[in-house]
C-alpha atoms as a PDB file:
ATOM      1  CA  MET A   1      -0.014  -0.028  -0.048  1.00  0.00           C
ATOM      2  CA  SER A   2       2.989   2.661   0.821  1.00  0.00           C
ATOM      3  CA  ASP A   3       4.839   1.427  -2.218  1.00  0.00           C
ATOM      4  CA  PHE A   4       1.986   1.934  -4.342  1.00  0.00           C
ATOM      5  CA  ALA A   5       1.507   5.886  -2.700  1.00  0.00           C
ATOM      6  CA  LEU A   6       5.158   6.141  -3.025  1.00  0.00           C
ATOM      7  CA  GLY A   7       4.978   5.616  -6.981  1.00  0.00           C
ATOM      8  CA  HIS A   8       1.519   7.757  -6.955  1.00  0.00           C
ATOM      9  CA  ASP A   9       3.213  10.311  -5.722  1.00  0.00           C
ATOM     10  CA  GLY A  10       6.200  10.026  -8.043  1.00  0.00           C
ATOM     11  CA  ILE A  11       4.357  10.356 -10.537  1.00  0.00           C
ATOM     12  CA  SER A  12       1.931  13.064  -9.672  1.00  0.00           C
ATOM     13  CA  GLY A  13       5.124  14.939  -8.759  1.00  0.00           C
ATOM     14  CA  ARG A  14       6.816  13.994 -12.046  1.00  0.00           C
ATOM     15  CA  PHE A  15       2.851  15.474 -13.812  1.00  0.00           C
ATOM     16  CA  CYS A  16       2.886  18.506 -11.967  1.00  0.00           C
ATOM     17  CA  ALA A  17       6.549  19.413 -12.947  1.00  0.00           C
ATOM     18  CA  VAL A  18       5.823  18.741 -16.623  1.00  0.00           C
ATOM     19  CA  THR A  19       3.121  20.663 -15.867  1.00  0.00           C
ATOM     20  CA  SER A  20       4.797  23.592 -14.413  1.00  0.00           C
ATOM     21  CA  VAL A  21       7.613  23.788 -17.681  1.00  0.00           C
ATOM     22  CA  CYS A  22       4.803  23.830 -19.934  1.00  0.00           C
ATOM     23  CA  GLU A  23       2.989  26.956 -18.271  1.00  0.00           C
ATOM     24  CA  THR A  24       6.565  28.312 -17.834  1.00  0.00           C
ATOM     25  CA  ARG A  25       6.530  27.708 -21.822  1.00  0.00           C
ATOM     26  CA  MET A  26       3.617  28.923 -22.918  1.00  0.00           C
ATOM     27  CA  LEU A  27       4.320  32.542 -20.656  1.00  0.00           C
ATOM     28  CA  GLN A  28       7.788  32.715 -22.107  1.00  0.00           C
ATOM     29  CA  GLN A  29       5.718  32.693 -25.690  1.00  0.00           C
ATOM     30  CA  THR A  30       3.305  35.117 -24.860  1.00  0.00           C
ATOM     31  CA  MET A  31       5.788  37.475 -23.352  1.00  0.00           C
ATOM     32  CA  GLN A  32       7.763  37.126 -27.048  1.00  0.00           C
ATOM     33  CA  LEU A  33       4.705  37.897 -28.810  1.00  0.00           C
ATOM     34  CA  VAL A  34       3.755  40.617 -26.643  1.00  0.00           C
ATOM     35  CA  LEU A  35       7.058  42.222 -25.716  1.00  0.00           C
ATOM     36  CA  PRO A  36       8.072  43.827 -28.892  1.00  0.00           C
ATOM     37  CA  ILE A  37       4.894  46.153 -29.003  1.00  0.00           C
ATOM     38  CA  PHE A  38       5.536  47.592 -25.687  1.00  0.00           C
ATOM     39  CA  ILE A  39       9.360  47.948 -26.523  1.00  0.00           C
ATOM     40  CA  ILE A  40       8.313  50.414 -29.120  1.00  0.00           C
ATOM     41  CA  ILE A  41       5.847  52.210 -26.583  1.00  0.00           C
ATOM     42  CA  GLY A  42       8.906  52.351 -24.365  1.00  0.00           C
ATOM     43  CA  LEU A  43      11.021  53.707 -27.265  1.00  0.00           C
ATOM     44  CA  GLY A  44       8.114  56.302 -28.069  1.00  0.00           C
ATOM     45  CA  TYR A  45       7.927  57.192 -24.193  1.00  0.00           C
ATOM     46  CA  ALA A  46      11.862  57.901 -23.652  1.00  0.00           C
ATOM     47  CA  CYS A  47      12.026  60.133 -27.087  1.00  0.00           C
ATOM     48  CA  ALA A  48       9.195  62.371 -25.859  1.00  0.00           C
ATOM     49  CA  SER A  49      11.296  62.016 -21.929  1.00  0.00           C
ATOM     50  CA  PHE A  50      14.046  62.999 -23.264  1.00  0.00           C
ATOM     51  CA  LYS A  51      12.950  65.363 -25.838  1.00  0.00           C
ATOM     52  CA  LEU A  52      14.593  63.909 -29.125  1.00  0.00           C
ATOM     53  CA  LEU A  53      11.566  64.993 -31.179  1.00  0.00           C
ATOM     54  CA  LYS A  54       9.706  68.316 -31.010  1.00  0.00           C
ATOM     55  CA  ASP A  55       6.943  69.135 -28.494  1.00  0.00           C
ATOM     56  CA  GLY A  56       3.887  68.661 -30.833  1.00  0.00           C
ATOM     57  CA  VAL A  57       5.268  65.764 -32.708  1.00  0.00           C
ATOM     58  CA  GLY A  58       3.639  62.990 -30.264  1.00  0.00           C
ATOM     59  CA  PRO A  59      -0.050  64.122 -31.102  1.00  0.00           C
ATOM     60  CA  ALA A  60       0.518  64.710 -34.811  1.00  0.00           C
ATOM     61  CA  LEU A  61       1.935  61.076 -35.179  1.00  0.00           C
ATOM     62  CA  GLY A  62      -0.920  60.452 -33.607  1.00  0.00           C
ATOM     63  CA  SER A  63      -3.738  62.145 -35.112  1.00  0.00           C
ATOM     64  CA  PHE A  64      -1.624  60.866 -38.328  1.00  0.00           C
ATOM     65  CA  CYS A  65      -2.267  57.153 -37.695  1.00  0.00           C
ATOM     66  CA  ILE A  66      -5.677  57.763 -36.212  1.00  0.00           C
ATOM     67  CA  THR A  67      -6.941  59.809 -39.598  1.00  0.00           C
ATOM     68  CA  ILE A  68      -4.637  57.625 -42.342  1.00  0.00           C
ATOM     69  CA  LEU A  69      -2.699  54.722 -40.953  1.00  0.00           C
ATOM     70  CA  VAL A  70      -5.291  52.951 -38.797  1.00  0.00           C
ATOM     71  CA  PRO A  71      -8.572  53.627 -41.188  1.00  0.00           C
ATOM     72  CA  THR A  72      -6.530  52.271 -43.778  1.00  0.00           C
ATOM     73  CA  LEU A  73      -4.983  49.034 -42.222  1.00  0.00           C
ATOM     74  CA  ILE A  74      -8.408  48.244 -41.226  1.00  0.00           C
ATOM     75  CA  PHE A  75      -9.961  49.275 -44.882  1.00  0.00           C
ATOM     76  CA  ARG A  76      -7.406  46.919 -46.587  1.00  0.00           C
ATOM     77  CA  THR A  77      -7.797  44.482 -44.129  1.00  0.00           C
ATOM     78  CA  LEU A  78     -11.675  44.206 -44.137  1.00  0.00           C
ATOM     79  CA  SER A  79     -11.925  44.711 -48.043  1.00  0.00           C
ATOM     80  CA  ALA A  80      -9.729  41.198 -49.101  1.00  0.00           C
ATOM     81  CA  ALA A  81     -11.304  39.151 -45.828  1.00  0.00           C
ATOM     82  CA  ASP A  82     -13.106  36.366 -45.883  1.00  0.00           C
ATOM     83  CA  LEU A  83     -15.926  37.551 -43.831  1.00  0.00           C
ATOM     84  CA  GLY A  84     -17.761  34.193 -43.446  1.00  0.00           C
ATOM     85  CA  ASP A  85     -21.972  33.976 -42.715  1.00  0.00           C
ATOM     86  CA  VAL A  86     -20.421  34.196 -38.736  1.00  0.00           C
ATOM     87  CA  SER A  87     -23.292  36.994 -37.281  1.00  0.00           C
ATOM     88  CA  PRO A  88     -21.755  39.656 -35.919  1.00  0.00           C
ATOM     89  CA  TRP A  89     -24.534  40.466 -33.456  1.00  0.00           C
ATOM     90  CA  PRO A  90     -23.435  37.617 -30.884  1.00  0.00           C
ATOM     91  CA  LEU A  91     -20.056  39.324 -30.697  1.00  0.00           C
ATOM     92  CA  TRP A  92     -21.989  42.473 -30.571  1.00  0.00           C
ATOM     93  CA  ALA A  93     -24.199  41.236 -27.285  1.00  0.00           C
ATOM     94  CA  ALA A  94     -21.853  39.681 -25.226  1.00  0.00           C
ATOM     95  CA  TYR A  95     -18.543  42.014 -25.560  1.00  0.00           C
ATOM     96  CA  TYR A  96     -21.233  45.269 -25.106  1.00  0.00           C
ATOM     97  CA  SER A  97     -22.949  43.719 -22.189  1.00  0.00           C
ATOM     98  CA  ALA A  98     -20.204  43.080 -20.339  1.00  0.00           C
ATOM     99  CA  LEU A  99     -18.898  46.726 -21.272  1.00  0.00           C
ATOM    100  CA  PHE A 100     -22.062  48.190 -19.905  1.00  0.00           C
ATOM    101  CA  ALA A 101     -21.781  45.909 -16.514  1.00  0.00           C
ATOM    102  CA  VAL A 102     -18.028  47.275 -16.032  1.00  0.00           C
ATOM    103  CA  TYR A 103     -19.237  50.743 -16.997  1.00  0.00           C
ATOM    104  CA  MET A 104     -22.050  50.984 -14.396  1.00  0.00           C
ATOM    105  CA  THR A 105     -19.861  49.517 -11.567  1.00  0.00           C
ATOM    106  CA  ALA A 106     -17.124  52.278 -12.039  1.00  0.00           C
ATOM    107  CA  ALA A 107     -19.820  54.895 -12.307  1.00  0.00           C
ATOM    108  CA  ILE A 108     -21.565  53.647  -9.084  1.00  0.00           C
ATOM    109  CA  LEU A 109     -18.196  52.963  -7.057  1.00  0.00           C
ATOM    110  CA  VAL A 110     -16.959  56.455  -7.778  1.00  0.00           C
ATOM    111  CA  ARG A 111     -20.250  58.237  -7.309  1.00  0.00           C
ATOM    112  CA  TRP A 112     -21.325  56.407  -3.858  1.00  0.00           C
ATOM    113  CA  ALA A 113     -17.966  54.544  -2.244  1.00  0.00           C
ATOM    114  CA  PHE A 114     -15.862  57.515  -3.375  1.00  0.00           C
ATOM    115  CA  LYS A 115     -18.182  59.964  -2.881  1.00  0.00           C
ATOM    116  CA  ARG A 116     -17.365  61.785  -6.055  1.00  0.00           C
ATOM    117  CA  GLU A 117     -19.380  64.638  -8.464  1.00  0.00           C
ATOM    118  CA  ALA A 118     -21.949  62.814 -11.095  1.00  0.00           C
ATOM    119  CA  ARG A 119     -19.791  64.155 -13.926  1.00  0.00           C
ATOM    120  CA  ALA A 120     -16.925  62.055 -11.948  1.00  0.00           C
ATOM    121  CA  ALA A 121     -18.703  58.867 -11.801  1.00  0.00           C
ATOM    122  CA  VAL A 122     -19.288  59.038 -15.958  1.00  0.00           C
ATOM    123  CA  VAL A 123     -15.404  59.781 -16.537  1.00  0.00           C
ATOM    124  CA  ALA A 124     -15.157  56.773 -14.160  1.00  0.00           C
ATOM    125  CA  GLY A 125     -17.135  54.376 -16.487  1.00  0.00           C
ATOM    126  CA  LEU A 126     -15.818  55.227 -19.531  1.00  0.00           C
ATOM    127  CA  THR A 127     -12.209  55.220 -17.889  1.00  0.00           C
ATOM    128  CA  SER A 128     -13.091  51.345 -17.058  1.00  0.00           C
ATOM    129  CA  GLY A 129     -14.537  50.670 -20.152  1.00  0.00           C
ATOM    130  CA  PHE A 130     -13.396  52.423 -23.056  1.00  0.00           C
ATOM    131  CA  GLY A 131     -10.195  50.522 -24.557  1.00  0.00           C
ATOM    132  CA  ASN A 132      -7.344  51.894 -26.765  1.00  0.00           C
ATOM    133  CA  THR A 133      -8.297  49.363 -29.651  1.00  0.00           C
ATOM    134  CA  GLY A 134      -7.172  51.392 -32.511  1.00  0.00           C
ATOM    135  CA  LEU A 135      -3.620  52.655 -31.442  1.00  0.00           C
ATOM    136  CA  ILE A 136      -2.904  49.301 -29.108  1.00  0.00           C
ATOM    137  CA  GLY A 137      -5.735  46.906 -30.025  1.00  0.00           C
ATOM    138  CA  ILE A 138      -5.338  46.537 -34.113  1.00  0.00           C
ATOM    139  CA  PRO A 139      -1.075  46.067 -33.597  1.00  0.00           C
ATOM    140  CA  LEU A 140      -1.795  43.929 -30.661  1.00  0.00           C
ATOM    141  CA  ILE A 141      -4.394  41.709 -32.259  1.00  0.00           C
ATOM    142  CA  THR A 142      -2.065  41.558 -35.772  1.00  0.00           C
ATOM    143  CA  SER A 143       0.856  40.466 -34.062  1.00  0.00           C
ATOM    144  CA  ILE A 144      -0.603  37.820 -31.979  1.00  0.00           C
ATOM    145  CA  PHE A 145      -3.464  36.559 -34.621  1.00  0.00           C
ATOM    146  CA  GLY A 146      -2.328  37.907 -38.138  1.00  0.00           C
ATOM    147  CA  THR A 147      -4.995  39.905 -40.337  1.00  0.00           C
ATOM    148  CA  GLN A 148      -7.736  37.325 -40.319  1.00  0.00           C
ATOM    149  CA  GLY A 149      -7.934  38.494 -35.831  1.00  0.00           C
ATOM    150  CA  LEU A 150      -8.902  42.195 -37.626  1.00  0.00           C
ATOM    151  CA  VAL A 151     -12.268  40.897 -38.864  1.00  0.00           C
ATOM    152  CA  PRO A 152     -13.623  40.539 -35.215  1.00  0.00           C
ATOM    153  CA  LEU A 153     -11.584  43.220 -34.037  1.00  0.00           C
ATOM    154  CA  SER A 154     -12.872  45.902 -36.741  1.00  0.00           C
ATOM    155  CA  LEU A 155     -16.647  44.486 -36.064  1.00  0.00           C
ATOM    156  CA  LEU A 156     -16.197  44.991 -32.202  1.00  0.00           C
ATOM    157  CA  ILE A 157     -14.538  48.589 -33.083  1.00  0.00           C
ATOM    158  CA  ALA A 158     -17.329  49.454 -35.565  1.00  0.00           C
ATOM    159  CA  LEU A 159     -19.615  49.323 -32.130  1.00  0.00           C
ATOM    160  CA  HIS A 160     -16.836  50.426 -29.572  1.00  0.00           C
ATOM    161  CA  LEU A 161     -17.057  54.117 -30.181  1.00  0.00           C
ATOM    162  CA  PRO A 162     -20.764  54.805 -31.318  1.00  0.00           C
ATOM    163  CA  PHE A 163     -21.806  52.552 -28.157  1.00  0.00           C
ATOM    164  CA  VAL A 164     -19.981  53.959 -25.555  1.00  0.00           C
ATOM    165  CA  THR A 165     -19.762  57.695 -27.005  1.00  0.00           C
ATOM    166  CA  ILE A 166     -23.632  57.420 -26.673  1.00  0.00           C
ATOM    167  CA  LEU A 167     -23.693  55.926 -23.404  1.00  0.00           C
ATOM    168  CA  SER A 168     -21.169  58.550 -21.877  1.00  0.00           C
ATOM    169  CA  VAL A 169     -23.131  61.631 -23.892  1.00  0.00           C
ATOM    170  CA  THR A 170     -26.288  60.648 -22.821  1.00  0.00           C
ATOM    171  CA  LEU A 171     -25.016  60.070 -19.008  1.00  0.00           C
ATOM    172  CA  MET A 172     -23.479  63.045 -19.063  1.00  0.00           C
ATOM    173  CA  SER A 173     -26.258  65.134 -20.402  1.00  0.00           C
ATOM    174  CA  ARG A 174     -27.865  64.181 -17.259  1.00  0.00           C
ATOM    175  CA  ALA A 175     -24.705  64.315 -14.940  1.00  0.00           C
ATOM    176  CA  VAL A 176     -24.095  67.928 -15.825  1.00  0.00           C
ATOM    177  CA  VAL A 177     -27.417  68.848 -14.462  1.00  0.00           C
ATOM    178  CA  ILE A 178     -27.267  67.267 -11.214  1.00  0.00           C
ATOM    179  CA  ASP A 179     -24.262  68.949 -10.544  1.00  0.00           C
ATOM    180  CA  GLY A 180     -25.279  72.235 -11.528  1.00  0.00           C
ATOM    181  CA  TYR A 181     -22.479  72.859 -14.493  1.00  0.00           C
ATOM    182  CA  GLU A 182     -24.993  73.157 -17.633  1.00  0.00           C
ATOM    183  CA  GLU A 183     -28.579  73.476 -18.357  1.00  0.00           C
ATOM    184  CA  ALA A 184     -30.645  70.467 -19.800  1.00  0.00           C
ATOM    185  CA  ARG A 185     -30.378  70.285 -23.586  1.00  0.00           C
ATOM    186  CA  PRO A 186     -32.640  68.085 -25.982  1.00  0.00           C
ATOM    187  CA  ILE A 187     -31.796  64.509 -25.629  1.00  0.00           C
ATOM    188  CA  ARG A 188     -32.469  64.647 -29.400  1.00  0.00           C
ATOM    189  CA  GLU A 189     -30.099  67.430 -30.178  1.00  0.00           C
ATOM    190  CA  VAL A 190     -27.291  65.440 -27.944  1.00  0.00           C
ATOM    191  CA  LEU A 191     -27.873  62.656 -30.096  1.00  0.00           C
ATOM    192  CA  VAL A 192     -27.821  64.191 -33.872  1.00  0.00           C
ATOM    193  CA  SER A 193     -24.722  65.829 -32.533  1.00  0.00           C
ATOM    194  CA  VAL A 194     -23.134  62.320 -31.592  1.00  0.00           C
ATOM    195  CA  ALA A 195     -24.336  60.927 -34.727  1.00  0.00           C
ATOM    196  CA  ARG A 196     -22.784  63.569 -36.689  1.00  0.00           C
ATOM    197  CA  SER A 197     -19.496  62.940 -34.980  1.00  0.00           C
ATOM    198  CA  LEU A 198     -19.694  59.632 -35.449  1.00  0.00           C
ATOM    199  CA  LEU A 199     -20.103  59.497 -39.218  1.00  0.00           C
ATOM    200  CA  THR A 200     -16.937  61.759 -39.967  1.00  0.00           C
ATOM    201  CA  ASN A 201     -14.752  59.555 -37.971  1.00  0.00           C
ATOM    202  CA  PRO A 202     -11.769  58.290 -39.818  1.00  0.00           C
ATOM    203  CA  ILE A 203     -11.937  54.635 -38.440  1.00  0.00           C
ATOM    204  CA  ILE A 204     -15.799  53.988 -38.934  1.00  0.00           C
ATOM    205  CA  ILE A 205     -15.540  55.187 -42.561  1.00  0.00           C
ATOM    206  CA  GLY A 206     -12.605  52.936 -42.637  1.00  0.00           C
ATOM    207  CA  ILE A 207     -14.755  49.823 -41.774  1.00  0.00           C
ATOM    208  CA  LEU A 208     -17.890  51.039 -43.884  1.00  0.00           C
ATOM    209  CA  ALA A 209     -15.631  51.494 -46.992  1.00  0.00           C
ATOM    210  CA  GLY A 210     -14.154  48.209 -46.420  1.00  0.00           C
ATOM    211  CA  ILE A 211     -16.765  46.109 -46.115  1.00  0.00           C
ATOM    212  CA  ALA A 212     -18.439  47.912 -48.958  1.00  0.00           C
ATOM    213  CA  VAL A 213     -15.587  46.905 -51.584  1.00  0.00           C
ATOM    214  CA  ASN A 214     -15.483  43.394 -50.063  1.00  0.00           C
ATOM    215  CA  LEU A 215     -19.599  42.819 -50.597  1.00  0.00           C
ATOM    216  CA  SER A 216     -19.318  44.359 -53.958  1.00  0.00           C
ATOM    217  CA  GLY A 217     -16.333  41.566 -54.842  1.00  0.00           C
ATOM    218  CA  LEU A 218     -14.387  44.399 -56.798  1.00  0.00           C
ATOM    219  CA  PRO A 219     -10.478  43.776 -56.596  1.00  0.00           C
ATOM    220  CA  LEU A 220      -8.394  46.894 -55.901  1.00  0.00           C
ATOM    221  CA  PRO A 221      -6.226  48.159 -58.764  1.00  0.00           C
ATOM    222  CA  GLY A 222      -2.618  47.255 -58.093  1.00  0.00           C
ATOM    223  CA  VAL A 223      -1.222  50.261 -57.979  1.00  0.00           C
ATOM    224  CA  VAL A 224      -3.803  51.434 -55.307  1.00  0.00           C
ATOM    225  CA  ASN A 225      -3.325  48.214 -53.368  1.00  0.00           C
ATOM    226  CA  THR A 226       0.343  48.664 -53.049  1.00  0.00           C
ATOM    227  CA  VAL A 227       0.125  52.116 -51.568  1.00  0.00           C
ATOM    228  CA  LEU A 228      -2.237  51.190 -48.902  1.00  0.00           C
ATOM    229  CA  ALA A 229      -0.327  48.114 -48.429  1.00  0.00           C
ATOM    230  CA  SER A 230       2.590  50.529 -47.500  1.00  0.00           C
ATOM    231  CA  LEU A 231       0.603  52.623 -45.548  1.00  0.00           C
ATOM    232  CA  ALA A 232      -1.148  49.842 -43.666  1.00  0.00           C
ATOM    233  CA  ASN A 233       2.389  48.450 -42.740  1.00  0.00           C
ATOM    234  CA  ALA A 234       3.442  51.741 -41.062  1.00  0.00           C
ATOM    235  CA  ALA A 235       0.763  51.955 -38.974  1.00  0.00           C
ATOM    236  CA  THR A 236       1.308  49.055 -36.263  1.00  0.00           C
ATOM    237  CA  PRO A 237       5.052  51.019 -35.258  1.00  0.00           C
ATOM    238  CA  ALA A 238       3.549  54.444 -35.800  1.00  0.00           C
ATOM    239  CA  ALA A 239       0.682  54.016 -33.718  1.00  0.00           C
ATOM    240  CA  LEU A 240       2.466  52.595 -30.585  1.00  0.00           C
ATOM    241  CA  PHE A 241       5.363  54.877 -30.977  1.00  0.00           C
ATOM    242  CA  ALA A 242       2.419  57.918 -30.816  1.00  0.00           C
ATOM    243  CA  VAL A 243       0.914  56.048 -27.883  1.00  0.00           C
ATOM    244  CA  GLY A 244       4.390  55.773 -26.076  1.00  0.00           C
ATOM    245  CA  MET A 245       4.859  59.513 -26.886  1.00  0.00           C
ATOM    246  CA  GLY A 246       1.399  60.231 -25.364  1.00  0.00           C
ATOM    247  CA  LEU A 247       1.988  59.057 -21.936  1.00  0.00           C
ATOM    248  CA  VAL A 248       4.369  61.614 -21.313  1.00  0.00           C
ATOM    249  CA  ASP A 249       1.692  63.707 -21.296  1.00  0.00           C
ATOM    250  CA  TYR A 250      -0.415  61.807 -18.758  1.00  0.00           C
ATOM    251  CA  GLY A 251       1.900  60.675 -15.898  1.00  0.00           C
ATOM    252  CA  ILE A 252       0.910  60.046 -12.218  1.00  0.00           C
ATOM    253  CA  ARG A 253      -0.952  62.586 -10.544  1.00  0.00           C
ATOM    254  CA  GLY A 254      -2.935  63.040  -7.278  1.00  0.00           C
ATOM    255  CA  THR A 255      -4.197  60.183  -5.546  1.00  0.00           C
ATOM    256  CA  LEU A 256      -3.819  56.566  -7.127  1.00  0.00           C
ATOM    257  CA  LYS A 257      -6.809  54.862  -5.020  1.00  0.00           C
ATOM    258  CA  ILE A 258      -9.734  55.664  -7.444  1.00  0.00           C
ATOM    259  CA  ALA A 259      -7.111  54.917 -10.367  1.00  0.00           C
ATOM    260  CA  GLY A 260      -6.074  51.928  -9.478  1.00  0.00           C
ATOM    261  CA  VAL A 261      -9.878  50.631  -8.592  1.00  0.00           C
ATOM    262  CA  LEU A 262     -10.979  51.659 -12.208  1.00  0.00           C
ATOM    263  CA  SER A 263      -7.582  49.905 -13.807  1.00  0.00           C
ATOM    264  CA  VAL A 264      -8.554  46.342 -12.071  1.00  0.00           C
ATOM    265  CA  LEU A 265     -12.036  46.805 -13.453  1.00  0.00           C
ATOM    266  CA  LYS A 266     -10.899  47.683 -16.730  1.00  0.00           C
ATOM    267  CA  ILE A 267      -7.893  45.005 -17.675  1.00  0.00           C
ATOM    268  CA  ILE A 268      -8.832  42.392 -15.338  1.00  0.00           C
ATOM    269  CA  LEU A 269     -12.799  42.308 -14.601  1.00  0.00           C
ATOM    270  CA  LEU A 270     -13.441  43.189 -18.120  1.00  0.00           C
ATOM    271  CA  PRO A 271     -11.510  40.967 -20.133  1.00  0.00           C
ATOM    272  CA  LEU A 272     -12.762  38.448 -17.521  1.00  0.00           C
ATOM    273  CA  LEU A 273     -16.608  39.140 -18.607  1.00  0.00           C
ATOM    274  CA  VAL A 274     -15.957  39.212 -21.908  1.00  0.00           C
ATOM    275  CA  PHE A 275     -14.228  35.697 -21.829  1.00  0.00           C
ATOM    276  CA  LEU A 276     -17.466  34.470 -19.789  1.00  0.00           C
ATOM    277  CA  PHE A 277     -19.670  36.085 -22.072  1.00  0.00           C
ATOM    278  CA  THR A 278     -18.484  35.106 -25.535  1.00  0.00           C
ATOM    279  CA  THR A 279     -18.416  31.361 -24.342  1.00  0.00           C
ATOM    280  CA  GLN A 280     -20.982  30.604 -22.094  1.00  0.00           C
ATOM    281  CA  LEU A 281     -24.107  32.840 -23.345  1.00  0.00           C
ATOM    282  CA  VAL A 282     -23.176  32.905 -26.916  1.00  0.00           C
ATOM    283  CA  SER A 283     -21.342  30.628 -29.581  1.00  0.00           C
ATOM    284  CA  LEU A 284     -19.082  31.780 -31.173  1.00  0.00           C
ATOM    285  CA  PRO A 285     -15.521  30.795 -33.679  1.00  0.00           C
ATOM    286  CA  PRO A 286     -12.452  30.140 -30.760  1.00  0.00           C
ATOM    287  CA  LEU A 287     -10.422  32.911 -32.577  1.00  0.00           C
ATOM    288  CA  TRP A 288     -13.396  35.742 -31.945  1.00  0.00           C
ATOM    289  CA  VAL A 289     -13.425  34.922 -28.211  1.00  0.00           C
ATOM    290  CA  ALA A 290      -9.565  35.358 -27.587  1.00  0.00           C
ATOM    291  CA  VAL A 291      -9.755  38.662 -29.923  1.00  0.00           C
ATOM    292  CA  ALA A 292     -12.771  39.651 -27.929  1.00  0.00           C
ATOM    293  CA  THR A 293     -11.012  38.794 -24.828  1.00  0.00           C
ATOM    294  CA  ILE A 294      -7.668  40.662 -25.799  1.00  0.00           C
ATOM    295  CA  ALA A 295      -9.412  43.275 -26.880  1.00  0.00           C
ATOM    296  CA  ALA A 296     -10.930  43.568 -23.581  1.00  0.00           C
ATOM    297  CA  ALA A 297      -7.682  43.600 -21.709  1.00  0.00           C
ATOM    298  CA  CYS A 298      -6.577  46.652 -23.907  1.00  0.00           C
ATOM    299  CA  PRO A 299      -5.356  49.383 -21.582  1.00  0.00           C
ATOM    300  CA  THR A 300      -7.868  52.424 -21.217  1.00  0.00           C
ATOM    301  CA  GLY A 301      -8.260  55.081 -24.564  1.00  0.00           C
ATOM    302  CA  ILE A 302      -7.159  58.566 -23.934  1.00  0.00           C
ATOM    303  CA  ASN A 303     -10.973  59.536 -24.593  1.00  0.00           C
ATOM    304  CA  ALA A 304     -11.653  59.239 -21.253  1.00  0.00           C
ATOM    305  CA  TYR A 305      -9.134  61.862 -20.418  1.00  0.00           C
ATOM    306  CA  LEU A 306     -10.615  64.429 -23.298  1.00  0.00           C
ATOM    307  CA  LEU A 307     -14.086  63.695 -21.519  1.00  0.00           C
ATOM    308  CA  ALA A 308     -12.441  64.621 -17.904  1.00  0.00           C
ATOM    309  CA  VAL A 309     -11.209  67.983 -19.500  1.00  0.00           C
ATOM    310  CA  GLN A 310     -13.880  68.950 -21.472  1.00  0.00           C
ATOM    311  CA  PHE A 311     -16.063  68.889 -18.382  1.00  0.00           C
ATOM    312  CA  GLY A 312     -13.819  69.795 -15.420  1.00  0.00           C
ATOM    313  CA  THR A 313     -13.262  66.900 -13.039  1.00  0.00           C
ATOM    314  CA  GLY A 314     -11.530  63.660 -13.350  1.00  0.00           C
ATOM    315  CA  HIS A 315      -8.440  64.619 -14.792  1.00  0.00           C
ATOM    316  CA  ALA A 316      -6.376  62.597 -11.985  1.00  0.00           C
ATOM    317  CA  MET A 317      -8.139  59.311 -12.200  1.00  0.00           C
ATOM    318  CA  SER A 318      -8.285  59.260 -15.716  1.00  0.00           C
ATOM    319  CA  SER A 319      -4.907  59.992 -16.512  1.00  0.00           C
ATOM    320  CA  ASN A 320      -3.413  57.602 -14.135  1.00  0.00           C
ATOM    321  CA  ALA A 321      -5.691  55.193 -15.105  1.00  0.00           C
ATOM    322  CA  ILE A 322      -4.430  55.310 -18.536  1.00  0.00           C
ATOM    323  CA  THR A 323      -0.493  55.398 -17.257  1.00  0.00           C
ATOM    324  CA  ILE A 324      -1.054  52.180 -15.087  1.00  0.00           C
ATOM    325  CA  THR A 325      -3.066  50.239 -17.154  1.00  0.00           C
ATOM    326  CA  THR A 326      -0.969  50.906 -20.485  1.00  0.00           C
ATOM    327  CA  PHE A 327       2.434  50.370 -18.585  1.00  0.00           C
ATOM    328  CA  SER A 328       0.890  47.123 -16.650  1.00  0.00           C
ATOM    329  CA  ALA A 329      -0.613  45.926 -19.987  1.00  0.00           C
ATOM    330  CA  ILE A 330       2.724  43.676 -20.770  1.00  0.00           C
ATOM    331  CA  PHE A 331       1.838  41.709 -18.221  1.00  0.00           C
ATOM    332  CA  THR A 332      -2.047  41.462 -18.074  1.00  0.00           C
ATOM    333  CA  VAL A 333      -1.869  40.881 -21.797  1.00  0.00           C
ATOM    334  CA  SER A 334       0.574  38.234 -21.778  1.00  0.00           C
ATOM    335  CA  GLY A 335      -1.056  36.686 -18.713  1.00  0.00           C
ATOM    336  CA  TRP A 336      -4.946  36.952 -20.619  1.00  0.00           C
ATOM    337  CA  LEU A 337      -2.739  35.384 -23.874  1.00  0.00           C
ATOM    338  CA  ALA A 338      -1.420  32.691 -21.644  1.00  0.00           C
ATOM    339  CA  PHE A 339      -4.881  31.966 -20.176  1.00  0.00           C
ATOM    340  CA  LEU A 340      -6.519  31.664 -23.759  1.00  0.00           C
ATOM    341  CA  GLN A 341      -4.113  29.136 -24.823  1.00  0.00           C
ATOM    342  CA  TRP A 342      -4.419  27.206 -21.287  1.00  0.00           C
ATOM    343  CA  MET A 343      -7.825  27.037 -21.859  1.00  0.00           C
ATOM    344  CA  GLY A 344      -7.737  26.112 -25.731  1.00  0.00           C
ATOM    345  CA  TYR A 345      -8.399  29.288 -27.450  1.00  0.00           C
END
């Protein structure tokens, strides 16, 4: 009996050792995929910190990426992609249900637990819900999953900005009245203004144009495709470099307590809920589940800080969260990727 127990323990020990080695190798492989991305971000941060480039280069580069390079990459990918017959509605339902839950959790915590004004609660919701899927998500997904990963990501981005923007603007239109900051505006006027802004957004235009060309079945002329390929290839390094340069403008300021909570909600709770919702509530291809989870794990986007500046509150919580989630993303994204591989995705 004791000999059997010793033999069993030996087998168990060897099994655990093998499992540990496999998990270590898996984490190393994911780090090798993710590390180059954040090295480029670090180079951008270093250049801005040491003033190697003139002031204004970072914002200009970021604007160039958002206006030209990223929409071109999305357009070129979608125009030639095999869109298949998978409906985007289950993906949207699962992802944005999770996002809404995290958004409202953050808003309620900041409003009632941290005793902040209603406007700050909306900024908190945006901080925990809105990810940098454009400048970081696209290079990240492309590096990990290849261009085929851009199809589900583009579908997420197509609704990401409209969903979060409409939600935030609608809640803020009420919050400014509660705080006595502004007088109430008709909700129809607010939504019309948002719709006009979205319809002129370059990324939205790139998505719609790419799908339209794809459905038409018309190939892009050779010269046009060559030009688009050159611009698309520049999107990843330029976008990551711009993110790094932009981090210098945010930094860490004031208390970290609220920002720490919002950061946990953004890069831990949101991807967890997205994974659970996309696997348990709906049926999606494994690639789509993985892309949605990694997209949810992306750091907070700058829109949260822009909203804070516009309405005069929540500057520190949003800028701190942007910095914390971006610098910690190399570890959290690697962890989520290892988790997905371990789960068979």
